[in-house]
C-alpha atoms as a PDB file:
ATOM      1  CA  MET A   1      -6.767   4.963  67.808  1.00  0.00           C
ATOM      2  CA  PHE A   2      -4.612   6.354  70.621  1.00  0.00           C
ATOM      3  CA  GLU A   3      -1.651   4.236  69.500  1.00  0.00           C
ATOM      4  CA  ILE A   4      -1.677   5.998  66.115  1.00  0.00           C
ATOM      5  CA  GLN A   5      -1.965   9.420  67.742  1.00  0.00           C
ATOM      6  CA  ASN A   6       0.826   8.672  70.227  1.00  0.00           C
ATOM      7  CA  GLY A   7       3.036   7.278  67.476  1.00  0.00           C
ATOM      8  CA  LEU A   8       2.467  10.333  65.308  1.00  0.00           C
ATOM      9  CA  MET A   9       3.221  12.696  68.194  1.00  0.00           C
ATOM     10  CA  PHE A  10       6.422  10.751  68.915  1.00  0.00           C
ATOM     11  CA  ILE A  11       7.549  11.004  65.277  1.00  0.00           C
ATOM     12  CA  ILE A  12       6.778  14.737  65.188  1.00  0.00           C
ATOM     13  CA  SER A  13       8.629  15.246  68.458  1.00  0.00           C
ATOM     14  CA  ILE A  14      11.712  13.402  67.161  1.00  0.00           C
ATOM     15  CA  ALA A  15      11.670  15.407  63.910  1.00  0.00           C
ATOM     16  CA  LEU A  16      11.395  18.741  65.733  1.00  0.00           C
ATOM     17  CA  PHE A  17      14.119  17.748  68.193  1.00  0.00           C
ATOM     18  CA  ALA A  18      16.365  16.829  65.253  1.00  0.00           C
ATOM     19  CA  ALA A  19      15.678  20.200  63.609  1.00  0.00           C
ATOM     20  CA  LYS A  20      16.551  22.036  66.828  1.00  0.00           C
ATOM     21  CA  GLY A  21      19.700  19.961  67.292  1.00  0.00           C
ATOM     22  CA  PHE A  22      20.745  20.549  63.684  1.00  0.00           C
ATOM     23  CA  ALA A  23      20.219  24.299  64.065  1.00  0.00           C
ATOM     24  CA  LEU A  24      22.302  24.314  67.261  1.00  0.00           C
ATOM     25  CA  VAL A  25      25.181  22.355  65.686  1.00  0.00           C
ATOM     26  CA  ASP A  26      25.083  24.617  62.626  1.00  0.00           C
ATOM     27  CA  CYS A  27      25.181  27.716  64.837  1.00  0.00           C
ATOM     28  CA  VAL A  28      28.170  26.412  66.798  1.00  0.00           C
ATOM     29  CA  ALA A  29      30.065  25.588  63.590  1.00  0.00           C
ATOM     30  CA  ARG A  30      29.266  28.862  61.778  1.00  0.00           C
ATOM     31  CA  PRO A  31      31.831  31.695  62.160  1.00  0.00           C
ATOM     32  CA  SER A  32      30.689  34.812  64.027  1.00  0.00           C
ATOM     33  CA  ALA A  33      31.512  37.039  61.057  1.00  0.00           C
ATOM     34  CA  LYS A  34      28.754  35.348  59.027  1.00  0.00           C
ATOM     35  CA  PHE A  35      26.126  36.661  61.434  1.00  0.00           C
ATOM     36  CA  THR A  36      27.381  40.231  61.023  1.00  0.00           C
ATOM     37  CA  TYR A  37      27.524  39.844  57.250  1.00  0.00           C
ATOM     38  CA  ILE A  38      23.872  38.811  56.932  1.00  0.00           C
ATOM     39  CA  GLU A  39      22.731  41.408  59.505  1.00  0.00           C
ATOM     40  CA  THR A  40      20.967  39.099  61.935  1.00  0.00           C
ATOM     41  CA  LEU A  41      21.168  38.550  65.672  1.00  0.00           C
ATOM     42  CA  PRO A  42      24.686  37.950  67.020  1.00  0.00           C
ATOM     43  CA  LYS A  43      25.948  34.381  67.262  1.00  0.00           C
ATOM     44  CA  GLN A  44      25.805  34.408  71.079  1.00  0.00           C
ATOM     45  CA  THR A  45      22.106  35.326  71.024  1.00  0.00           C
ATOM     46  CA  TRP A  46      21.314  32.545  68.579  1.00  0.00           C
ATOM     47  CA  LEU A  47      23.273  30.094  70.723  1.00  0.00           C
ATOM     48  CA  VAL A  48      21.240  31.029  73.821  1.00  0.00           C
ATOM     49  CA  ILE A  49      17.960  30.701  71.907  1.00  0.00           C
ATOM     50  CA  LEU A  50      18.874  27.338  70.410  1.00  0.00           C
ATOM     51  CA  VAL A  51      20.328  25.850  73.611  1.00  0.00           C
ATOM     52  CA  LEU A  52      17.166  26.842  75.474  1.00  0.00           C
ATOM     53  CA  ALA A  53      15.070  25.326  72.685  1.00  0.00           C
ATOM     54  CA  VAL A  54      16.922  21.996  72.877  1.00  0.00           C
ATOM     55  CA  LEU A  55      16.876  21.892  76.682  1.00  0.00           C
ATOM     56  CA  THR A  56      13.183  22.757  76.774  1.00  0.00           C
ATOM     57  CA  HIS A  57      12.466  19.959  74.338  1.00  0.00           C
ATOM     58  CA  LEU A  58      14.356  17.517  76.538  1.00  0.00           C
ATOM     59  CA  VAL A  59      12.338  18.532  79.604  1.00  0.00           C
ATOM     60  CA  TRP A  60       8.900  18.779  77.962  1.00  0.00           C
ATOM     61  CA  TRP A  61       8.872  16.194  75.207  1.00  0.00           C
ATOM     62  CA  SER A  62       5.410  17.128  73.883  1.00  0.00           C
ATOM     63  CA  PRO A  63       5.792  19.083  70.611  1.00  0.00           C
ATOM     64  CA  LEU A  64       2.588  21.015  71.351  1.00  0.00           C
ATOM     65  CA  ASP A  65       3.841  22.444  74.645  1.00  0.00           C
ATOM     66  CA  LEU A  66       3.967  26.258  74.487  1.00  0.00           C
ATOM     67  CA  LEU A  67       7.696  26.483  75.259  1.00  0.00           C
ATOM     68  CA  ASN A  68       8.441  23.761  72.711  1.00  0.00           C
ATOM     69  CA  LEU A  69       6.497  25.635  70.075  1.00  0.00           C
ATOM     70  CA  ALA A  70       8.470  28.805  70.846  1.00  0.00           C
ATOM     71  CA  GLY A  71      11.734  26.868  70.576  1.00  0.00           C
ATOM     72  CA  THR A  72      10.632  25.309  67.312  1.00  0.00           C
ATOM     73  CA  VAL A  73       9.833  28.729  65.887  1.00  0.00           C
ATOM     74  CA  GLY A  74      13.236  29.994  67.005  1.00  0.00           C
ATOM     75  CA  ALA A  75      15.056  27.073  65.394  1.00  0.00           C
ATOM     76  CA  LEU A  76      13.078  27.362  62.154  1.00  0.00           C
ATOM     77  CA  VAL A  77      13.711  31.123  61.986  1.00  0.00           C
ATOM     78  CA  TYR A  78      17.428  30.452  62.473  1.00  0.00           C
ATOM     79  CA  LEU A  79      17.443  27.833  59.739  1.00  0.00           C
ATOM     80  CA  ALA A  80      15.549  30.067  57.334  1.00  0.00           C
ATOM     81  CA  GLN A  81      17.387  33.291  58.091  1.00  0.00           C
ATOM     82  CA  VAL A  82      20.962  32.264  58.799  1.00  0.00           C
ATOM     83  CA  ARG A  83      21.373  28.921  57.091  1.00  0.00           C
ATOM     84  CA  GLY A  84      19.054  29.972  54.272  1.00  0.00           C
ATOM     85  CA  SER A  85      21.332  32.914  53.499  1.00  0.00           C
ATOM     86  CA  ASP A  86      23.939  30.458  52.182  1.00  0.00           C
ATOM     87  CA  SER A  87      21.774  29.744  49.150  1.00  0.00           C
ATOM     88  CA  ARG A  88      21.784  33.380  47.996  1.00  0.00           C
END
């Protein structure tokens, strides 16, 4: 039973780490003017949030850790708000 739980937690952790990494790469590649155009946080602020999210995930690998959850929320908000604005 614990093997299934551990395997599931590992898969979730990998998926969330990939989402955070994708958000960080997207933020680095996106021009600063885009952030002003969609009226969101500045690019530098998003970079700090996303770098901290990725580093926190590397230190505390558990996806249910409080800091990991905060980083996941930050990355998902970035993806929905900034990257999601491309579809409008």
